[in-house]
mmCIF file of all heavy atoms, coordinates in Angstrom:
data_MODEL
# 
_entry.id   MODEL 
# 
loop_
_atom_site.group_PDB 
_atom_site.id 
_atom_site.type_symbol 
_atom_site.label_atom_id 
_atom_site.label_alt_id 
_atom_site.label_comp_id 
_atom_site.label_asym_id 
_atom_site.label_entity_id 
_atom_site.label_seq_id 
_atom_site.pdbx_PDB_ins_code 
_atom_site.Cartn_x 
_atom_site.Cartn_y 
_atom_site.Cartn_z 
_atom_site.occupancy 
_atom_site.B_iso_or_equiv 
_atom_site.pdbx_formal_charge 
_atom_site.auth_seq_id 
_atom_site.auth_comp_id 
_atom_site.auth_asym_id 
_atom_site.auth_atom_id 
_atom_site.pdbx_PDB_model_num 
ATOM 1   N N   . THR A 1 1  ? -0.427  -22.615 -2.561 1.00 0.00 ? 1  THR A N   1 
ATOM 2   C CA  . THR A 1 1  ? 0.375   -21.934 -1.469 1.00 0.00 ? 1  THR A CA  1 
ATOM 3   C C   . THR A 1 1  ? -0.420  -21.866 -0.271 1.00 0.00 ? 1  THR A C   1 
ATOM 4   O O   . THR A 1 1  ? -1.628  -22.112 -0.102 1.00 0.00 ? 1  THR A O   1 
ATOM 5   C CB  . THR A 1 1  ? 0.682   -20.431 -2.000 1.00 0.00 ? 1  THR A CB  1 
ATOM 6   O OG1 . THR A 1 1  ? -0.598  -19.818 -2.140 1.00 0.00 ? 1  THR A OG1 1 
ATOM 7   C CG2 . THR A 1 1  ? 1.352   -20.425 -3.266 1.00 0.00 ? 1  THR A CG2 1 
ATOM 8   N N   . VAL A 1 2  ? 0.296   -21.481 0.854  1.00 0.00 ? 2  VAL A N   1 
ATOM 9   C CA  . VAL A 1 2  ? -0.436  -21.197 2.124  1.00 0.00 ? 2  VAL A CA  1 
ATOM 10  C C   . VAL A 1 2  ? -1.636  -20.291 1.973  1.00 0.00 ? 2  VAL A C   1 
ATOM 11  O O   . VAL A 1 2  ? -2.715  -20.539 2.482  1.00 0.00 ? 2  VAL A O   1 
ATOM 12  C CB  . VAL A 1 2  ? 0.557   -20.788 3.200  1.00 0.00 ? 2  VAL A CB  1 
ATOM 13  C CG1 . VAL A 1 2  ? -0.167  -20.323 4.456  1.00 0.00 ? 2  VAL A CG1 1 
ATOM 14  C CG2 . VAL A 1 2  ? 1.712   -21.759 3.435  1.00 0.00 ? 2  VAL A CG2 1 
ATOM 15  N N   . ALA A 1 3  ? -1.381  -19.165 1.293  1.00 0.00 ? 3  ALA A N   1 
ATOM 16  C CA  . ALA A 1 3  ? -2.428  -18.213 1.004  1.00 0.00 ? 3  ALA A CA  1 
ATOM 17  C C   . ALA A 1 3  ? -3.647  -18.773 0.322  1.00 0.00 ? 3  ALA A C   1 
ATOM 18  O O   . ALA A 1 3  ? -4.837  -18.512 0.731  1.00 0.00 ? 3  ALA A O   1 
ATOM 19  C CB  . ALA A 1 3  ? -1.908  -16.975 0.326  1.00 0.00 ? 3  ALA A CB  1 
ATOM 20  N N   . ARG A 1 4  ? -3.377  -19.594 -0.691 1.00 0.00 ? 4  ARG A N   1 
ATOM 21  C CA  . ARG A 1 4  ? -4.504  -20.196 -1.464 1.00 0.00 ? 4  ARG A CA  1 
ATOM 22  C C   . ARG A 1 4  ? -5.209  -21.215 -0.578 1.00 0.00 ? 4  ARG A C   1 
ATOM 23  O O   . ARG A 1 4  ? -6.437  -21.269 -0.617 1.00 0.00 ? 4  ARG A O   1 
ATOM 24  C CB  . ARG A 1 4  ? -3.848  -20.961 -2.714 1.00 0.00 ? 4  ARG A CB  1 
ATOM 25  C CG  . ARG A 1 4  ? -4.932  -21.789 -3.414 1.00 0.00 ? 4  ARG A CG  1 
ATOM 26  C CD  . ARG A 1 4  ? -5.896  -21.079 -4.296 1.00 0.00 ? 4  ARG A CD  1 
ATOM 27  N NE  . ARG A 1 4  ? -6.930  -21.911 -4.841 1.00 0.00 ? 4  ARG A NE  1 
ATOM 28  C CZ  . ARG A 1 4  ? -6.717  -22.588 -6.027 1.00 0.00 ? 4  ARG A CZ  1 
ATOM 29  N NH1 . ARG A 1 4  ? -5.518  -22.577 -6.618 1.00 0.00 ? 4  ARG A NH1 1 
ATOM 30  N NH2 . ARG A 1 4  ? -7.630  -23.449 -6.485 1.00 0.00 ? 4  ARG A NH2 1 
ATOM 31  N N   . ILE A 1 5  ? -4.496  -22.000 0.251  1.00 0.00 ? 5  ILE A N   1 
ATOM 32  C CA  . ILE A 1 5  ? -5.183  -22.957 1.129  1.00 0.00 ? 5  ILE A CA  1 
ATOM 33  C C   . ILE A 1 5  ? -6.142  -22.206 2.101  1.00 0.00 ? 5  ILE A C   1 
ATOM 34  O O   . ILE A 1 5  ? -7.293  -22.617 2.293  1.00 0.00 ? 5  ILE A O   1 
ATOM 35  C CB  . ILE A 1 5  ? -4.136  -23.721 1.878  1.00 0.00 ? 5  ILE A CB  1 
ATOM 36  C CG1 . ILE A 1 5  ? -3.428  -24.722 0.925  1.00 0.00 ? 5  ILE A CG1 1 
ATOM 37  C CG2 . ILE A 1 5  ? -4.755  -24.567 3.028  1.00 0.00 ? 5  ILE A CG2 1 
ATOM 38  C CD1 . ILE A 1 5  ? -2.156  -25.271 1.509  1.00 0.00 ? 5  ILE A CD1 1 
ATOM 39  N N   . LEU A 1 6  ? -5.624  -21.117 2.755  1.00 0.00 ? 6  LEU A N   1 
ATOM 40  C CA  . LEU A 1 6  ? -6.399  -20.440 3.666  1.00 0.00 ? 6  LEU A CA  1 
ATOM 41  C C   . LEU A 1 6  ? -7.561  -19.872 3.089  1.00 0.00 ? 6  LEU A C   1 
ATOM 42  O O   . LEU A 1 6  ? -8.718  -19.843 3.630  1.00 0.00 ? 6  LEU A O   1 
ATOM 43  C CB  . LEU A 1 6  ? -5.569  -19.351 4.375  1.00 0.00 ? 6  LEU A CB  1 
ATOM 44  C CG  . LEU A 1 6  ? -4.452  -19.866 5.390  1.00 0.00 ? 6  LEU A CG  1 
ATOM 45  C CD1 . LEU A 1 6  ? -3.574  -18.742 5.791  1.00 0.00 ? 6  LEU A CD1 1 
ATOM 46  C CD2 . LEU A 1 6  ? -5.010  -20.653 6.453  1.00 0.00 ? 6  LEU A CD2 1 
ATOM 47  N N   . SER A 1 7  ? -7.446  -19.169 1.920  1.00 0.00 ? 7  SER A N   1 
ATOM 48  C CA  . SER A 1 7  ? -8.617  -18.659 1.193  1.00 0.00 ? 7  SER A CA  1 
ATOM 49  C C   . SER A 1 7  ? -9.616  -19.723 0.803  1.00 0.00 ? 7  SER A C   1 
ATOM 50  O O   . SER A 1 7  ? -10.825 -19.497 1.009  1.00 0.00 ? 7  SER A O   1 
ATOM 51  C CB  . SER A 1 7  ? -8.133  -17.952 -0.076 1.00 0.00 ? 7  SER A CB  1 
ATOM 52  O OG  . SER A 1 7  ? -9.211  -17.384 -0.791 1.00 0.00 ? 7  SER A OG  1 
ATOM 53  N N   . GLU A 1 8  ? -9.190  -20.927 0.335  1.00 0.00 ? 8  GLU A N   1 
ATOM 54  C CA  . GLU A 1 8  ? -10.113 -21.846 -0.069 1.00 0.00 ? 8  GLU A CA  1 
ATOM 55  C C   . GLU A 1 8  ? -10.896 -22.450 1.261  1.00 0.00 ? 8  GLU A C   1 
ATOM 56  O O   . GLU A 1 8  ? -12.097 -22.737 1.108  1.00 0.00 ? 8  GLU A O   1 
ATOM 57  C CB  . GLU A 1 8  ? -9.398  -23.033 -0.710 1.00 0.00 ? 8  GLU A CB  1 
ATOM 58  C CG  . GLU A 1 8  ? -8.836  -22.733 -2.128 1.00 0.00 ? 8  GLU A CG  1 
ATOM 59  C CD  . GLU A 1 8  ? -9.882  -23.011 -3.228 1.00 0.00 ? 8  GLU A CD  1 
ATOM 60  O OE1 . GLU A 1 8  ? -11.036 -23.415 -2.906 1.00 0.00 ? 8  GLU A OE1 1 
ATOM 61  O OE2 . GLU A 1 8  ? -9.485  -22.775 -4.417 1.00 0.00 ? 8  GLU A OE2 1 
ATOM 62  N N   . LEU A 1 9  ? -10.074 -22.694 2.280  1.00 0.00 ? 9  LEU A N   1 
ATOM 63  C CA  . LEU A 1 9  ? -10.688 -23.073 3.547  1.00 0.00 ? 9  LEU A CA  1 
ATOM 64  C C   . LEU A 1 9  ? -11.723 -22.115 4.095  1.00 0.00 ? 9  LEU A C   1 
ATOM 65  O O   . LEU A 1 9  ? -12.707 -22.631 4.567  1.00 0.00 ? 9  LEU A O   1 
ATOM 66  C CB  . LEU A 1 9  ? -9.606  -23.389 4.536  1.00 0.00 ? 9  LEU A CB  1 
ATOM 67  C CG  . LEU A 1 9  ? -10.022 -24.014 5.896  1.00 0.00 ? 9  LEU A CG  1 
ATOM 68  C CD1 . LEU A 1 9  ? -10.670 -25.407 5.684  1.00 0.00 ? 9  LEU A CD1 1 
ATOM 69  C CD2 . LEU A 1 9  ? -8.828  -24.229 6.869  1.00 0.00 ? 9  LEU A CD2 1 
ATOM 70  N N   . ALA A 1 10 ? -11.480 -20.880 3.898  1.00 0.00 ? 10 ALA A N   1 
ATOM 71  C CA  . ALA A 1 10 ? -12.292 -19.871 4.551  1.00 0.00 ? 10 ALA A CA  1 
ATOM 72  C C   . ALA A 1 10 ? -13.575 -19.503 3.741  1.00 0.00 ? 10 ALA A C   1 
ATOM 73  O O   . ALA A 1 10 ? -14.339 -18.697 4.093  1.00 0.00 ? 10 ALA A O   1 
ATOM 74  C CB  . ALA A 1 10 ? -11.441 -18.583 4.819  1.00 0.00 ? 10 ALA A CB  1 
ATOM 75  N N   . ALA A 1 11 ? -13.702 -20.156 2.580  1.00 0.00 ? 11 ALA A N   1 
ATOM 76  C CA  . ALA A 1 11 ? -14.839 -19.937 1.692  1.00 0.00 ? 11 ALA A CA  1 
ATOM 77  C C   . ALA A 1 11 ? -16.117 -20.526 2.461  1.00 0.00 ? 11 ALA A C   1 
ATOM 78  O O   . ALA A 1 11 ? -16.404 -21.655 2.484  1.00 0.00 ? 11 ALA A O   1 
ATOM 79  C CB  . ALA A 1 11 ? -14.745 -20.520 0.380  1.00 0.00 ? 11 ALA A CB  1 
ATOM 80  N N   . GLY A 1 12 ? -16.840 -19.599 3.013  1.00 0.00 ? 12 GLY A N   1 
ATOM 81  C CA  . GLY A 1 12 ? -18.094 -19.963 3.720  1.00 0.00 ? 12 GLY A CA  1 
ATOM 82  C C   . GLY A 1 12 ? -17.774 -20.625 5.125  1.00 0.00 ? 12 GLY A C   1 
ATOM 83  O O   . GLY A 1 12 ? -18.757 -21.023 5.836  1.00 0.00 ? 12 GLY A O   1 
ATOM 84  N N   . LEU A 1 13 ? -16.547 -20.672 5.562  1.00 0.00 ? 13 LEU A N   1 
ATOM 85  C CA  . LEU A 1 13 ? -16.212 -21.397 6.794  1.00 0.00 ? 13 LEU A CA  1 
ATOM 86  C C   . LEU A 1 13 ? -15.274 -20.430 7.573  1.00 0.00 ? 13 LEU A C   1 
ATOM 87  O O   . LEU A 1 13 ? -14.143 -20.132 7.075  1.00 0.00 ? 13 LEU A O   1 
ATOM 88  C CB  . LEU A 1 13 ? -15.534 -22.755 6.493  1.00 0.00 ? 13 LEU A CB  1 
ATOM 89  C CG  . LEU A 1 13 ? -15.190 -23.611 7.793  1.00 0.00 ? 13 LEU A CG  1 
ATOM 90  C CD1 . LEU A 1 13 ? -14.901 -25.143 7.253  1.00 0.00 ? 13 LEU A CD1 1 
ATOM 91  C CD2 . LEU A 1 13 ? -13.839 -23.196 8.437  1.00 0.00 ? 13 LEU A CD2 1 
ATOM 92  N N   . ALA A 1 14 ? -15.698 -19.895 8.648  1.00 0.00 ? 14 ALA A N   1 
ATOM 93  C CA  . ALA A 1 14 ? -14.847 -18.898 9.341  1.00 0.00 ? 14 ALA A CA  1 
ATOM 94  C C   . ALA A 1 14 ? -13.658 -19.613 9.978  1.00 0.00 ? 14 ALA A C   1 
ATOM 95  O O   . ALA A 1 14 ? -13.700 -20.474 10.699 1.00 0.00 ? 14 ALA A O   1 
ATOM 96  C CB  . ALA A 1 14 ? -15.672 -18.245 10.427 1.00 0.00 ? 14 ALA A CB  1 
ATOM 97  N N   . LEU A 1 15 ? -12.479 -18.977 9.654  1.00 0.00 ? 15 LEU A N   1 
ATOM 98  C CA  . LEU A 1 15 ? -11.293 -19.344 10.384 1.00 0.00 ? 15 LEU A CA  1 
ATOM 99  C C   . LEU A 1 15 ? -11.340 -18.641 11.791 1.00 0.00 ? 15 LEU A C   1 
ATOM 100 O O   . LEU A 1 15 ? -11.710 -17.481 11.832 1.00 0.00 ? 15 LEU A O   1 
ATOM 101 C CB  . LEU A 1 15 ? -10.054 -18.808 9.599  1.00 0.00 ? 15 LEU A CB  1 
ATOM 102 C CG  . LEU A 1 15 ? -9.813  -19.259 8.121  1.00 0.00 ? 15 LEU A CG  1 
ATOM 103 C CD1 . LEU A 1 15 ? -8.624  -18.569 7.538  1.00 0.00 ? 15 LEU A CD1 1 
ATOM 104 C CD2 . LEU A 1 15 ? -9.663  -20.739 8.162  1.00 0.00 ? 15 LEU A CD2 1 
ATOM 105 N N   . GLU A 1 16 ? -10.881 -19.383 12.735 1.00 0.00 ? 16 GLU A N   1 
ATOM 106 C CA  . GLU A 1 16 ? -10.973 -18.910 14.157 1.00 0.00 ? 16 GLU A CA  1 
ATOM 107 C C   . GLU A 1 16 ? -9.523  -18.818 14.678 1.00 0.00 ? 16 GLU A C   1 
ATOM 108 O O   . GLU A 1 16 ? -8.624  -19.629 14.339 1.00 0.00 ? 16 GLU A O   1 
ATOM 109 C CB  . GLU A 1 16 ? -11.783 -19.790 14.961 1.00 0.00 ? 16 GLU A CB  1 
ATOM 110 C CG  . GLU A 1 16 ? -13.259 -19.938 14.553 1.00 0.00 ? 16 GLU A CG  1 
ATOM 111 C CD  . GLU A 1 16 ? -14.071 -18.692 14.804 1.00 0.00 ? 16 GLU A CD  1 
ATOM 112 O OE1 . GLU A 1 16 ? -13.531 -17.810 15.528 1.00 0.00 ? 16 GLU A OE1 1 
ATOM 113 O OE2 . GLU A 1 16 ? -15.225 -18.630 14.345 1.00 0.00 ? 16 GLU A OE2 1 
ATOM 114 N N   . PRO A 1 17 ? -9.307  -17.901 15.572 1.00 0.00 ? 17 PRO A N   1 
ATOM 115 C CA  . PRO A 1 17 ? -7.898  -17.771 16.248 1.00 0.00 ? 17 PRO A CA  1 
ATOM 116 C C   . PRO A 1 17 ? -7.588  -19.106 16.870 1.00 0.00 ? 17 PRO A C   1 
ATOM 117 O O   . PRO A 1 17 ? -8.337  -19.774 17.583 1.00 0.00 ? 17 PRO A O   1 
ATOM 118 C CB  . PRO A 1 17 ? -8.162  -16.765 17.335 1.00 0.00 ? 17 PRO A CB  1 
ATOM 119 C CG  . PRO A 1 17 ? -9.259  -15.853 16.779 1.00 0.00 ? 17 PRO A CG  1 
ATOM 120 C CD  . PRO A 1 17 ? -10.145 -16.754 16.117 1.00 0.00 ? 17 PRO A CD  1 
ATOM 121 N N   . GLY A 1 18 ? -6.333  -19.578 16.633 1.00 0.00 ? 18 GLY A N   1 
ATOM 122 C CA  . GLY A 1 18 ? -5.830  -20.820 17.113 1.00 0.00 ? 18 GLY A CA  1 
ATOM 123 C C   . GLY A 1 18 ? -6.024  -22.038 16.242 1.00 0.00 ? 18 GLY A C   1 
ATOM 124 O O   . GLY A 1 18 ? -5.582  -23.092 16.461 1.00 0.00 ? 18 GLY A O   1 
ATOM 125 N N   . ASP A 1 19 ? -6.798  -21.834 15.173 1.00 0.00 ? 19 ASP A N   1 
ATOM 126 C CA  . ASP A 1 19 ? -6.908  -22.937 14.157 1.00 0.00 ? 19 ASP A CA  1 
ATOM 127 C C   . ASP A 1 19 ? -5.620  -23.370 13.637 1.00 0.00 ? 19 ASP A C   1 
ATOM 128 O O   . ASP A 1 19 ? -4.676  -22.446 13.317 1.00 0.00 ? 19 ASP A O   1 
ATOM 129 C CB  . ASP A 1 19 ? -7.807  -22.494 13.044 1.00 0.00 ? 19 ASP A CB  1 
ATOM 130 C CG  . ASP A 1 19 ? -9.300  -22.564 13.337 1.00 0.00 ? 19 ASP A CG  1 
ATOM 131 O OD1 . ASP A 1 19 ? -9.681  -23.169 14.311 1.00 0.00 ? 19 ASP A OD1 1 
ATOM 132 O OD2 . ASP A 1 19 ? -10.190 -22.066 12.415 1.00 0.00 ? 19 ASP A OD2 1 
ATOM 133 N N   . LEU A 1 20 ? -5.459  -24.668 13.423 1.00 0.00 ? 20 LEU A N   1 
ATOM 134 C CA  . LEU A 1 20 ? -4.251  -25.265 12.826 1.00 0.00 ? 20 LEU A CA  1 
ATOM 135 C C   . LEU A 1 20 ? -4.527  -25.685 11.438 1.00 0.00 ? 20 LEU A C   1 
ATOM 136 O O   . LEU A 1 20 ? -5.509  -26.410 11.189 1.00 0.00 ? 20 LEU A O   1 
ATOM 137 C CB  . LEU A 1 20 ? -3.759  -26.417 13.618 1.00 0.00 ? 20 LEU A CB  1 
ATOM 138 C CG  . LEU A 1 20 ? -3.519  -26.166 15.093 1.00 0.00 ? 20 LEU A CG  1 
ATOM 139 C CD1 . LEU A 1 20 ? -3.312  -27.501 15.860 1.00 0.00 ? 20 LEU A CD1 1 
ATOM 140 C CD2 . LEU A 1 20 ? -2.414  -25.277 15.353 1.00 0.00 ? 20 LEU A CD2 1 
ATOM 141 N N   . VAL A 1 21 ? -3.684  -25.178 10.453 1.00 0.00 ? 21 VAL A N   1 
ATOM 142 C CA  . VAL A 1 21 ? -3.898  -25.594 9.045  1.00 0.00 ? 21 VAL A CA  1 
ATOM 143 C C   . VAL A 1 21 ? -2.671  -26.274 8.533  1.00 0.00 ? 21 VAL A C   1 
ATOM 144 O O   . VAL A 1 21 ? -1.633  -25.559 8.334  1.00 0.00 ? 21 VAL A O   1 
ATOM 145 C CB  . VAL A 1 21 ? -4.296  -24.384 8.184  1.00 0.00 ? 21 VAL A CB  1 
ATOM 146 C CG1 . VAL A 1 21 ? -4.597  -24.856 6.807  1.00 0.00 ? 21 VAL A CG1 1 
ATOM 147 C CG2 . VAL A 1 21 ? -5.515  -23.689 8.779  1.00 0.00 ? 21 VAL A CG2 1 
ATOM 148 N N   . LEU A 1 22 ? -2.677  -27.568 8.380  1.00 0.00 ? 22 LEU A N   1 
ATOM 149 C CA  . LEU A 1 22 ? -1.605  -28.334 7.826  1.00 0.00 ? 22 LEU A CA  1 
ATOM 150 C C   . LEU A 1 22 ? -1.562  -28.234 6.367  1.00 0.00 ? 22 LEU A C   1 
ATOM 151 O O   . LEU A 1 22 ? -2.658  -28.342 5.712  1.00 0.00 ? 22 LEU A O   1 
ATOM 152 C CB  . LEU A 1 22 ? -1.598  -29.805 8.255  1.00 0.00 ? 22 LEU A CB  1 
ATOM 153 C CG  . LEU A 1 22 ? -1.203  -30.147 9.734  1.00 0.00 ? 22 LEU A CG  1 
ATOM 154 C CD1 . LEU A 1 22 ? -2.160  -29.499 10.802 1.00 0.00 ? 22 LEU A CD1 1 
ATOM 155 C CD2 . LEU A 1 22 ? -1.162  -31.623 9.903  1.00 0.00 ? 22 LEU A CD2 1 
ATOM 156 N N   . THR A 1 23 ? -0.402  -28.040 5.740  1.00 0.00 ? 23 THR A N   1 
ATOM 157 C CA  . THR A 1 23 ? -0.376  -27.749 4.397  1.00 0.00 ? 23 THR A CA  1 
ATOM 158 C C   . THR A 1 23 ? 0.156   -28.804 3.367  1.00 0.00 ? 23 THR A C   1 
ATOM 159 O O   . THR A 1 23 ? 0.508   -28.488 2.249  1.00 0.00 ? 23 THR A O   1 
ATOM 160 C CB  . THR A 1 23 ? 0.529   -26.415 4.209  1.00 0.00 ? 23 THR A CB  1 
ATOM 161 O OG1 . THR A 1 23 ? 1.819   -26.680 4.587  1.00 0.00 ? 23 THR A OG1 1 
ATOM 162 C CG2 . THR A 1 23 ? -0.102  -25.266 4.919  1.00 0.00 ? 23 THR A CG2 1 
ATOM 163 N N   . GLY A 1 24 ? 0.227   -30.009 3.855  1.00 0.00 ? 24 GLY A N   1 
ATOM 164 C CA  . GLY A 1 24 ? 0.630   -31.136 3.007  1.00 0.00 ? 24 GLY A CA  1 
ATOM 165 C C   . GLY A 1 24 ? 2.089   -31.540 3.122  1.00 0.00 ? 24 GLY A C   1 
ATOM 166 O O   . GLY A 1 24 ? 2.915   -30.836 3.719  1.00 0.00 ? 24 GLY A O   1 
ATOM 167 N N   . THR A 1 25 ? 2.385   -32.759 2.608  1.00 0.00 ? 25 THR A N   1 
ATOM 168 C CA  . THR A 1 25 ? 3.717   -33.268 2.810  1.00 0.00 ? 25 THR A CA  1 
ATOM 169 C C   . THR A 1 25 ? 4.429   -33.494 1.456  1.00 0.00 ? 25 THR A C   1 
ATOM 170 O O   . THR A 1 25 ? 3.759   -33.918 0.393  1.00 0.00 ? 25 THR A O   1 
ATOM 171 C CB  . THR A 1 25 ? 3.612   -34.564 3.638  1.00 0.00 ? 25 THR A CB  1 
ATOM 172 O OG1 . THR A 1 25 ? 4.958   -34.924 4.205  1.00 0.00 ? 25 THR A OG1 1 
ATOM 173 C CG2 . THR A 1 25 ? 3.310   -35.797 2.773  1.00 0.00 ? 25 THR A CG2 1 
# 
């Protein structure tokens, strides 16, 4: 899910305002 992707990405890596996160096709 979008929430899982964001959580995985943010592990040790700060998400910043304006970041673009593509979620697959």
